[in-house]
Structures are given as structure tokens and as C-alpha cells.
PDB file of N, CA and C in Angstrom:
ATOM      1  N   MET A   1     -13.962  14.319   3.369  1.00  0.00           N
ATOM      2  CA  MET A   1     -14.052  14.693   4.764  1.00  0.00           C
ATOM      3  C   MET A   1     -15.131  13.863   5.442  1.00  0.00           C
ATOM      4  N   ALA A   2     -14.928  13.602   6.723  1.00  0.00           N
ATOM      5  CA  ALA A   2     -15.867  12.780   7.474  1.00  0.00           C
ATOM      6  C   ALA A   2     -17.175  13.524   7.721  1.00  0.00           C
ATOM      7  N   ASN A   3     -18.274  12.802   7.649  1.00  0.00           N
ATOM      8  CA  ASN A   3     -19.587  13.404   7.876  1.00  0.00           C
ATOM      9  C   ASN A   3     -20.208  12.967   9.197  1.00  0.00           C
ATOM     10  N   HIS A   4     -19.886  11.794   9.655  1.00  0.00           N
ATOM     11  CA  HIS A   4     -20.469  11.276  10.891  1.00  0.00           C
ATOM     12  C   HIS A   4     -19.652  11.698  12.098  1.00  0.00           C
ATOM     13  N   LYS A   5     -20.350  11.816  13.213  1.00  0.00           N
ATOM     14  CA  LYS A   5     -19.696  12.224  14.454  1.00  0.00           C
ATOM     15  C   LYS A   5     -18.601  11.231  14.842  1.00  0.00           C
ATOM     16  N   SER A   6     -18.877   9.949  14.697  1.00  0.00           N
ATOM     17  CA  SER A   6     -17.903   8.917  15.068  1.00  0.00           C
ATOM     18  C   SER A   6     -16.680   8.944  14.153  1.00  0.00           C
ATOM     19  N   ALA A   7     -16.902   9.251  12.882  1.00  0.00           N
ATOM     20  CA  ALA A   7     -15.792   9.328  11.932  1.00  0.00           C
ATOM     21  C   ALA A   7     -14.898  10.524  12.246  1.00  0.00           C
ATOM     22  N   LYS A   8     -15.520  11.633  12.662  1.00  0.00           N
ATOM     23  CA  LYS A   8     -14.740  12.814  13.041  1.00  0.00           C
ATOM     24  C   LYS A   8     -13.892  12.527  14.281  1.00  0.00           C
ATOM     25  N   LYS A   9     -14.491  11.820  15.235  1.00  0.00           N
ATOM     26  CA  LYS A   9     -13.748  11.459  16.442  1.00  0.00           C
ATOM     27  C   LYS A   9     -12.597  10.530  16.078  1.00  0.00           C
ATOM     28  N   ARG A  10     -12.853   9.595  15.190  1.00  0.00           N
ATOM     29  CA  ARG A  10     -11.816   8.644  14.770  1.00  0.00           C
ATOM     30  C   ARG A  10     -10.619   9.394  14.186  1.00  0.00           C
ATOM     31  N   ILE A  11     -10.873  10.423  13.408  1.00  0.00           N
ATOM     32  CA  ILE A  11      -9.804  11.232  12.817  1.00  0.00           C
ATOM     33  C   ILE A  11      -8.996  11.917  13.913  1.00  0.00           C
ATOM     34  N   ARG A  12      -9.706  12.514  14.910  1.00  0.00           N
ATOM     35  CA  ARG A  12      -9.014  13.180  16.017  1.00  0.00           C
ATOM     36  C   ARG A  12      -8.145  12.201  16.801  1.00  0.00           C
ATOM     37  N   VAL A  13      -8.678  11.040  17.104  1.00  0.00           N
ATOM     38  CA  VAL A  13      -7.949  10.042  17.882  1.00  0.00           C
ATOM     39  C   VAL A  13      -6.725   9.555  17.110  1.00  0.00           C
ATOM     40  N   THR A  14      -6.899   9.314  15.825  1.00  0.00           N
ATOM     41  CA  THR A  14      -5.797   8.838  14.984  1.00  0.00           C
ATOM     42  C   THR A  14      -4.670   9.862  14.934  1.00  0.00           C
ATOM     43  N   GLU A  15      -5.028  11.133  14.786  1.00  0.00           N
ATOM     44  CA  GLU A  15      -4.000  12.185  14.738  1.00  0.00           C
ATOM     45  C   GLU A  15      -3.238  12.274  16.061  1.00  0.00           C
ATOM     46  N   LYS A  16      -3.963  12.151  17.167  1.00  0.00           N
ATOM     47  CA  LYS A  16      -3.319  12.203  18.485  1.00  0.00           C
ATOM     48  C   LYS A  16      -2.367  11.028  18.671  1.00  0.00           C
ATOM     49  N   LYS A  17      -2.820   9.837  18.316  1.00  0.00           N
ATOM     50  CA  LYS A  17      -1.964   8.648  18.440  1.00  0.00           C
ATOM     51  C   LYS A  17      -0.738   8.764  17.545  1.00  0.00           C
ATOM     52  N   ASN A  18      -0.936   9.338  16.366  1.00  0.00           N
ATOM     53  CA  ASN A  18       0.165   9.524  15.433  1.00  0.00           C
ATOM     54  C   ASN A  18       1.238  10.424  16.041  1.00  0.00           C
ATOM     55  N   ARG A  19       0.818  11.518  16.695  1.00  0.00           N
ATOM     56  CA  ARG A  19       1.780  12.421  17.338  1.00  0.00           C
ATOM     57  C   ARG A  19       2.526  11.716  18.472  1.00  0.00           C
ATOM     58  N   VAL A  20       1.794  10.950  19.268  1.00  0.00           N
ATOM     59  CA  VAL A  20       2.415  10.244  20.399  1.00  0.00           C
ATOM     60  C   VAL A  20       3.417   9.212  19.896  1.00  0.00           C
ATOM     61  N   ASN A  21       3.021   8.436  18.894  1.00  0.00           N
ATOM     62  CA  ASN A  21       3.905   7.405  18.363  1.00  0.00           C
ATOM     63  C   ASN A  21       5.146   8.000  17.710  1.00  0.00           C
ATOM     64  N   THR A  22       4.990   9.117  17.018  1.00  0.00           N
ATOM     65  CA  THR A  22       6.129   9.783  16.396  1.00  0.00           C
ATOM     66  C   THR A  22       7.108  10.260  17.458  1.00  0.00           C
ATOM     67  N   ALA A  23       6.575  10.807  18.557  1.00  0.00           N
ATOM     68  CA  ALA A  23       7.436  11.265  19.650  1.00  0.00           C
ATOM     69  C   ALA A  23       8.168  10.083  20.283  1.00  0.00           C
ATOM     70  N   ARG A  24       7.484   8.964  20.458  1.00  0.00           N
ATOM     71  CA  ARG A  24       8.115   7.769  21.033  1.00  0.00           C
ATOM     72  C   ARG A  24       9.244   7.262  20.143  1.00  0.00           C
ATOM     73  N   LYS A  25       8.965   7.167  18.845  1.00  0.00           N
ATOM     74  CA  LYS A  25       9.997   6.700  17.908  1.00  0.00           C
ATOM     75  C   LYS A  25      11.212   7.610  17.941  1.00  0.00           C
ATOM     76  N   SER A  26      10.964   8.914  17.945  1.00  0.00           N
ATOM     77  CA  SER A  26      12.043   9.879  17.960  1.00  0.00           C
ATOM     78  C   SER A  26      12.880   9.744  19.231  1.00  0.00           C
ATOM     79  N   ALA A  27      12.218   9.571  20.360  1.00  0.00           N
ATOM     80  CA  ALA A  27      12.936   9.417  21.630  1.00  0.00           C
ATOM     81  C   ALA A  27      13.789   8.152  21.618  1.00  0.00           C
ATOM     82  N   ILE A  28      13.244   7.077  21.084  1.00  0.00           N
ATOM     83  CA  ILE A  28      13.996   5.827  21.011  1.00  0.00           C
ATOM     84  C   ILE A  28      15.250   6.007  20.155  1.00  0.00           C
ATOM     85  N   LYS A  29      15.082   6.653  19.008  1.00  0.00           N
ATOM     86  CA  LYS A  29      16.227   6.887  18.119  1.00  0.00           C
ATOM     87  C   LYS A  29      17.288   7.728  18.813  1.00  0.00           C
ATOM     88  N   THR A  30      16.857   8.736  19.565  1.00  0.00           N
ATOM     89  CA  THR A  30      17.799   9.595  20.285  1.00  0.00           C
ATOM     90  C   THR A  30      18.578   8.801  21.319  1.00  0.00           C
ATOM     91  N   PHE A  31      17.888   7.953  22.081  1.00  0.00           N
ATOM     92  CA  PHE A  31      18.562   7.146  23.092  1.00  0.00           C
ATOM     93  C   PHE A  31      19.538   6.157  22.456  1.00  0.00           C
ATOM     94  N   ILE A  32      19.173   5.599  21.306  1.00  0.00           N
ATOM     95  CA  ILE A  32      20.069   4.677  20.606  1.00  0.00           C
ATOM     96  C   ILE A  32      21.332   5.417  20.169  1.00  0.00           C
ATOM     97  N   LYS A  33      21.171   6.612  19.599  1.00  0.00           N
ATOM     98  CA  LYS A  33      22.331   7.397  19.156  1.00  0.00           C
ATOM     99  C   LYS A  33      23.236   7.744  20.326  1.00  0.00           C
ATOM    100  N   LYS A  34      22.641   8.134  21.459  1.00  0.00           N
ATOM    101  CA  LYS A  34      23.441   8.458  22.637  1.00  0.00           C
ATOM    102  C   LYS A  34      24.246   7.245  23.095  1.00  0.00           C
ATOM    103  N   ALA A  35      23.604   6.088  23.112  1.00  0.00           N
ATOM    104  CA  ALA A  35      24.279   4.871  23.561  1.00  0.00           C
ATOM    105  C   ALA A  35      25.417   4.504  22.610  1.00  0.00           C
ATOM    106  N   LEU A  36      25.167   4.556  21.322  1.00  0.00           N
ATOM    107  CA  LEU A  36      26.205   4.198  20.350  1.00  0.00           C
ATOM    108  C   LEU A  36      27.368   5.193  20.388  1.00  0.00           C
ATOM    109  N   ASN A  37      27.067   6.477  20.575  1.00  0.00           N
ATOM    110  CA  ASN A  37      28.131   7.472  20.689  1.00  0.00           C
ATOM    111  C   ASN A  37      28.963   7.247  21.940  1.00  0.00           C
ATOM    112  N   ALA A  38      28.320   6.862  23.032  1.00  0.00           N
ATOM    113  CA  ALA A  38      29.043   6.584  24.272  1.00  0.00           C
ATOM    114  C   ALA A  38      29.924   5.351  24.114  1.00  0.00           C
ATOM    115  N   ILE A  39      29.423   4.348  23.397  1.00  0.00           N
ATOM    116  CA  ILE A  39      30.205   3.126  23.180  1.00  0.00           C
ATOM    117  C   ILE A  39      31.441   3.430  22.340  1.00  0.00           C
ATOM    118  N   THR A  40      31.247   4.204  21.272  1.00  0.00           N
ATOM    119  CA  THR A  40      32.394   4.540  20.422  1.00  0.00           C
ATOM    120  C   THR A  40      33.324   5.529  21.110  1.00  0.00           C
ATOM    121  N   GLY A  41      32.795   6.272  22.085  1.00  0.00           N
ATOM    122  CA  GLY A  41      33.609   7.244  22.828  1.00  0.00           C
ATOM    123  C   GLY A  41      34.653   6.585  23.702  1.00  0.00           C
ATOM    124  N   GLY A  42      34.347   5.410  24.222  1.00  0.00           N
ATOM    125  CA  GLY A  42      35.334   4.675  25.000  1.00  0.00           C
ATOM    126  C   GLY A  42      35.139   4.720  26.505  1.00  0.00           C
ATOM    127  N   ASP A  43      34.242   5.544  27.012  1.00  0.00           N
ATOM    128  CA  ASP A  43      34.010   5.626  28.449  1.00  0.00           C
ATOM    129  C   ASP A  43      33.045   4.510  28.857  1.00  0.00           C
ATOM    130  N   LYS A  44      33.552   3.525  29.614  1.00  0.00           N
ATOM    131  CA  LYS A  44      32.756   2.340  29.946  1.00  0.00           C
ATOM    132  C   LYS A  44      31.551   2.671  30.812  1.00  0.00           C
ATOM    133  N   GLU A  45      31.748   3.502  31.828  1.00  0.00           N
ATOM    134  CA  GLU A  45      30.649   3.806  32.741  1.00  0.00           C
ATOM    135  C   GLU A  45      29.526   4.563  32.029  1.00  0.00           C
ATOM    136  N   LYS A  46      29.897   5.556  31.241  1.00  0.00           N
ATOM    137  CA  LYS A  46      28.900   6.326  30.509  1.00  0.00           C
ATOM    138  C   LYS A  46      28.183   5.438  29.490  1.00  0.00           C
ATOM    139  N   ALA A  47      28.946   4.589  28.816  1.00  0.00           N
ATOM    140  CA  ALA A  47      28.361   3.698  27.821  1.00  0.00           C
ATOM    141  C   ALA A  47      27.370   2.737  28.467  1.00  0.00           C
ATOM    142  N   THR A  48      27.733   2.214  29.643  1.00  0.00           N
ATOM    143  CA  THR A  48      26.847   1.293  30.342  1.00  0.00           C
ATOM    144  C   THR A  48      25.557   1.989  30.755  1.00  0.00           C
ATOM    145  N   THR A  49      25.680   3.198  31.275  1.00  0.00           N
ATOM    146  CA  THR A  49      24.503   3.964  31.692  1.00  0.00           C
ATOM    147  C   THR A  49      23.606   4.278  30.505  1.00  0.00           C
ATOM    148  N   GLU A  50      24.201   4.753  29.429  1.00  0.00           N
ATOM    149  CA  GLU A  50      23.424   5.094  28.234  1.00  0.00           C
ATOM    150  C   GLU A  50      22.778   3.851  27.633  1.00  0.00           C
ATOM    151  N   MET A  51      23.492   2.738  27.666  1.00  0.00           N
ATOM    152  CA  MET A  51      22.957   1.486  27.143  1.00  0.00           C
ATOM    153  C   MET A  51      21.739   1.057  27.961  1.00  0.00           C
ATOM    154  N   ARG A  52      21.831   1.189  29.263  1.00  0.00           N
ATOM    155  CA  ARG A  52      20.717   0.816  30.143  1.00  0.00           C
ATOM    156  C   ARG A  52      19.489   1.672  29.834  1.00  0.00           C
ATOM    157  N   ASN A  53      19.708   2.979  29.657  1.00  0.00           N
ATOM    158  CA  ASN A  53      18.599   3.885  29.332  1.00  0.00           C
ATOM    159  C   ASN A  53      17.987   3.547  27.971  1.00  0.00           C
ATOM    160  N   ALA A  54      18.843   3.290  26.995  1.00  0.00           N
ATOM    161  CA  ALA A  54      18.364   2.976  25.652  1.00  0.00           C
ATOM    162  C   ALA A  54      17.584   1.663  25.651  1.00  0.00           C
ATOM    163  N   GLU A  55      18.109   0.677  26.354  1.00  0.00           N
ATOM    164  CA  GLU A  55      17.435  -0.624  26.403  1.00  0.00           C
ATOM    165  C   GLU A  55      16.044  -0.477  27.021  1.00  0.00           C
ATOM    166  N   SER A  56      15.955   0.304  28.076  1.00  0.00           N
ATOM    167  CA  SER A  56      14.672   0.531  28.731  1.00  0.00           C
ATOM    168  C   SER A  56      13.675   1.176  27.766  1.00  0.00           C
ATOM    169  N   ARG A  57      14.109   2.212  27.075  1.00  0.00           N
ATOM    170  CA  ARG A  57      13.235   2.909  26.128  1.00  0.00           C
ATOM    171  C   ARG A  57      12.809   2.001  24.984  1.00  0.00           C
ATOM    172  N   ILE A  58      13.767   1.229  24.458  1.00  0.00           N
ATOM    173  CA  ILE A  58      13.467   0.358  23.322  1.00  0.00           C
ATOM    174  C   ILE A  58      12.423  -0.681  23.716  1.00  0.00           C
ATOM    175  N   MET A  59      12.624  -1.301  24.864  1.00  0.00           N
ATOM    176  CA  MET A  59      11.712  -2.366  25.269  1.00  0.00           C
ATOM    177  C   MET A  59      10.335  -1.817  25.650  1.00  0.00           C
ATOM    178  N   LYS A  60      10.276  -0.579  26.128  1.00  0.00           N
ATOM    179  CA  LYS A  60       8.970   0.031  26.397  1.00  0.00           C
ATOM    180  C   LYS A  60       8.223   0.283  25.091  1.00  0.00           C
ATOM    181  N   GLY A  61       8.964   0.591  24.040  1.00  0.00           N
ATOM    182  CA  GLY A  61       8.340   0.848  22.743  1.00  0.00           C
ATOM    183  C   GLY A  61       8.064  -0.405  21.943  1.00  0.00           C
ATOM    184  N   ALA A  62       8.612  -1.535  22.397  1.00  0.00           N
ATOM    185  CA  ALA A  62       8.423  -2.797  21.679  1.00  0.00           C
ATOM    186  C   ALA A  62       6.947  -3.177  21.702  1.00  0.00           C
ATOM    187  N   GLY A  63       6.430  -3.468  20.528  1.00  0.00           N
ATOM    188  CA  GLY A  63       5.033  -3.839  20.429  1.00  0.00           C
ATOM    189  C   GLY A  63       4.119  -2.645  20.245  1.00  0.00           C
ATOM    190  N   LYS A  64       4.616  -1.431  20.541  1.00  0.00           N
ATOM    191  CA  LYS A  64       3.800  -0.229  20.365  1.00  0.00           C
ATOM    192  C   LYS A  64       4.207   0.505  19.100  1.00  0.00           C
ATOM    193  N   VAL A  65       5.486   0.847  19.002  1.00  0.00           N
ATOM    194  CA  VAL A  65       5.937   1.606  17.841  1.00  0.00           C
ATOM    195  C   VAL A  65       6.915   0.820  16.975  1.00  0.00           C
ATOM    196  N   MET A  66       7.314  -0.353  17.431  1.00  0.00           N
ATOM    197  CA  MET A  66       8.168  -1.211  16.610  1.00  0.00           C
ATOM    198  C   MET A  66       7.901  -2.661  16.995  1.00  0.00           C
ATOM    199  N   PRO A  67       8.129  -3.581  16.080  1.00  0.00           N
ATOM    200  CA  PRO A  67       7.918  -4.988  16.402  1.00  0.00           C
ATOM    201  C   PRO A  67       8.860  -5.457  17.518  1.00  0.00           C
ATOM    202  N   LYS A  68       8.402  -6.403  18.317  1.00  0.00           N
ATOM    203  CA  LYS A  68       9.180  -6.882  19.454  1.00  0.00           C
ATOM    204  C   LYS A  68      10.508  -7.492  19.016  1.00  0.00           C
ATOM    205  N   LYS A  69      10.497  -8.200  17.905  1.00  0.00           N
ATOM    206  CA  LYS A  69      11.736  -8.833  17.445  1.00  0.00           C
ATOM    207  C   LYS A  69      12.763  -7.802  17.006  1.00  0.00           C
ATOM    208  N   ARG A  70      12.315  -6.716  16.394  1.00  0.00           N
ATOM    209  CA  ARG A  70      13.238  -5.653  15.991  1.00  0.00           C
ATOM    210  C   ARG A  70      13.851  -4.999  17.225  1.00  0.00           C
ATOM    211  N   ALA A  71      13.025  -4.792  18.243  1.00  0.00           N
ATOM    212  CA  ALA A  71      13.516  -4.189  19.480  1.00  0.00           C
ATOM    213  C   ALA A  71      14.574  -5.092  20.115  1.00  0.00           C
ATOM    214  N   SER A  72      14.295  -6.383  20.181  1.00  0.00           N
ATOM    215  CA  SER A  72      15.254  -7.324  20.759  1.00  0.00           C
ATOM    216  C   SER A  72      16.548  -7.354  19.959  1.00  0.00           C
ATOM    217  N   ARG A  73      16.423  -7.296  18.645  1.00  0.00           N
ATOM    218  CA  ARG A  73      17.606  -7.317  17.781  1.00  0.00           C
ATOM    219  C   ARG A  73      18.465  -6.077  18.018  1.00  0.00           C
ATOM    220  N   LYS A  74      17.844  -4.914  18.146  1.00  0.00           N
ATOM    221  CA  LYS A  74      18.597  -3.682  18.391  1.00  0.00           C
ATOM    222  C   LYS A  74      19.327  -3.743  19.729  1.00  0.00           C
ATOM    223  N   VAL A  75      18.632  -4.208  20.757  1.00  0.00           N
ATOM    224  CA  VAL A  75      19.247  -4.315  22.083  1.00  0.00           C
ATOM    225  C   VAL A  75      20.406  -5.302  22.038  1.00  0.00           C
ATOM    226  N   SER A  76      20.194  -6.422  21.376  1.00  0.00           N
ATOM    227  CA  SER A  76      21.230  -7.445  21.286  1.00  0.00           C
ATOM    228  C   SER A  76      22.485  -6.922  20.587  1.00  0.00           C
ATOM    229  N   ARG A  77      22.300  -6.222  19.496  1.00  0.00           N
ATOM    230  CA  ARG A  77      23.452  -5.709  18.746  1.00  0.00           C
ATOM    231  C   ARG A  77      24.203  -4.637  19.530  1.00  0.00           C
ATOM    232  N   MET A  78      23.456  -3.795  20.247  1.00  0.00           N
ATOM    233  CA  MET A  78      24.130  -2.773  21.053  1.00  0.00           C
ATOM    234  C   MET A  78      24.873  -3.409  22.226  1.00  0.00           C
ATOM    235  N   THR A  79      24.280  -4.431  22.815  1.00  0.00           N
ATOM    236  CA  THR A  79      24.937  -5.132  23.923  1.00  0.00           C
ATOM    237  C   THR A  79      26.225  -5.793  23.447  1.00  0.00           C
ATOM    238  N   LYS A  80      26.185  -6.370  22.254  1.00  0.00           N
ATOM    239  CA  LYS A  80      27.386  -6.979  21.674  1.00  0.00           C
ATOM    240  C   LYS A  80      28.496  -5.945  21.526  1.00  0.00           C
ATOM    241  N   LYS A  81      28.141  -4.770  21.014  1.00  0.00           N
ATOM    242  CA  LYS A  81      29.128  -3.700  20.841  1.00  0.00           C
ATOM    243  C   LYS A  81      29.686  -3.245  22.183  1.00  0.00           C
ATOM    244  N   LEU A  82      28.822  -3.158  23.174  1.00  0.00           N
ATOM    245  CA  LEU A  82      29.255  -2.755  24.511  1.00  0.00           C
ATOM    246  C   LEU A  82      30.216  -3.779  25.092  1.00  0.00           C
ATOM    247  N   ASN A  83      29.881  -5.055  24.963  1.00  0.00           N
ATOM    248  CA  ASN A  83      30.744  -6.108  25.484  1.00  0.00           C
ATOM    249  C   ASN A  83      32.088  -6.161  24.760  1.00  0.00           C
ATOM    250  N   LYS A  84      32.055  -5.921  23.450  1.00  0.00           N
ATOM    251  CA  LYS A  84      33.303  -5.910  22.678  1.00  0.00           C
ATOM    252  C   LYS A  84      34.191  -4.754  23.135  1.00  0.00           C
ATOM    253  N   MET A  85      33.550  -3.598  23.434  1.00  0.00           N
ATOM    254  CA  MET A  85      34.292  -2.434  23.906  1.00  0.00           C
ATOM    255  C   MET A  85      34.933  -2.720  25.247  1.00  0.00           C
ATOM    256  N   GLU A  86      34.224  -3.395  26.132  1.00  0.00           N
ATOM    257  CA  GLU A  86      34.732  -3.678  27.482  1.00  0.00           C
ATOM    258  C   GLU A  86      35.875  -4.673  27.472  1.00  0.00           C
ATOM    259  N   SER A  87      35.897  -5.566  26.473  1.00  0.00           N
ATOM    260  CA  SER A  87      36.949  -6.578  26.432  1.00  0.00           C
ATOM    261  C   SER A  87      38.279  -6.024  25.960  1.00  0.00           C
ATOM    262  N   ARG A  88      38.255  -4.862  25.325  1.00  0.00           N
ATOM    263  CA  ARG A  88      39.503  -4.273  24.824  1.00  0.00           C
ATOM    264  C   ARG A  88      40.351  -3.731  25.925  1.00  0.00           C
TER     265      ARG A  88
END
């Protein structure tokens, strides 16, 4: 256990950041699932809207809770799926 005042504060700050980051990751995953379900559902307008929301969330989390390249890769792959759906 921490003995110094600064070490105790560090523990509190770390726990708070951990909760915030976990919530962000969870929200991103939820938006991704919604977008992918909308794409597989077949409704173009809903899929486009959900994709826009998911892309926004992913890019806001890029660099904070996930690497920027991973975020770009996820957006790119979802966009590909959306475009493939629209061409059918």
C-alpha cells in the first residue's frame, strides 16, 4: 500500500482514468456493433447513420484508448462493408 501522499493521489487518479477509459472502450464497441448490425440488416440509411456515429466515436478514441492505426483500420473495414452493401 502507498505511504506517501503523492502515491495515494496517483492511485486515485489511475483508478479514475481506468474507469473513464473502460467506459470509452465499451461505448466504441457498442457503436461498432450497432453499425455492423445495421450494415448486415440491409437498411442503407440506418447503416449510413450508424456508420457515421461509429466513425466519430472511434476517431475520438484514437490515441486515447486505442492506437490511431487500429482506429483507422476499423473505420476502413466498416466503410468497405458499407460500400459493398450499397453496391448490391
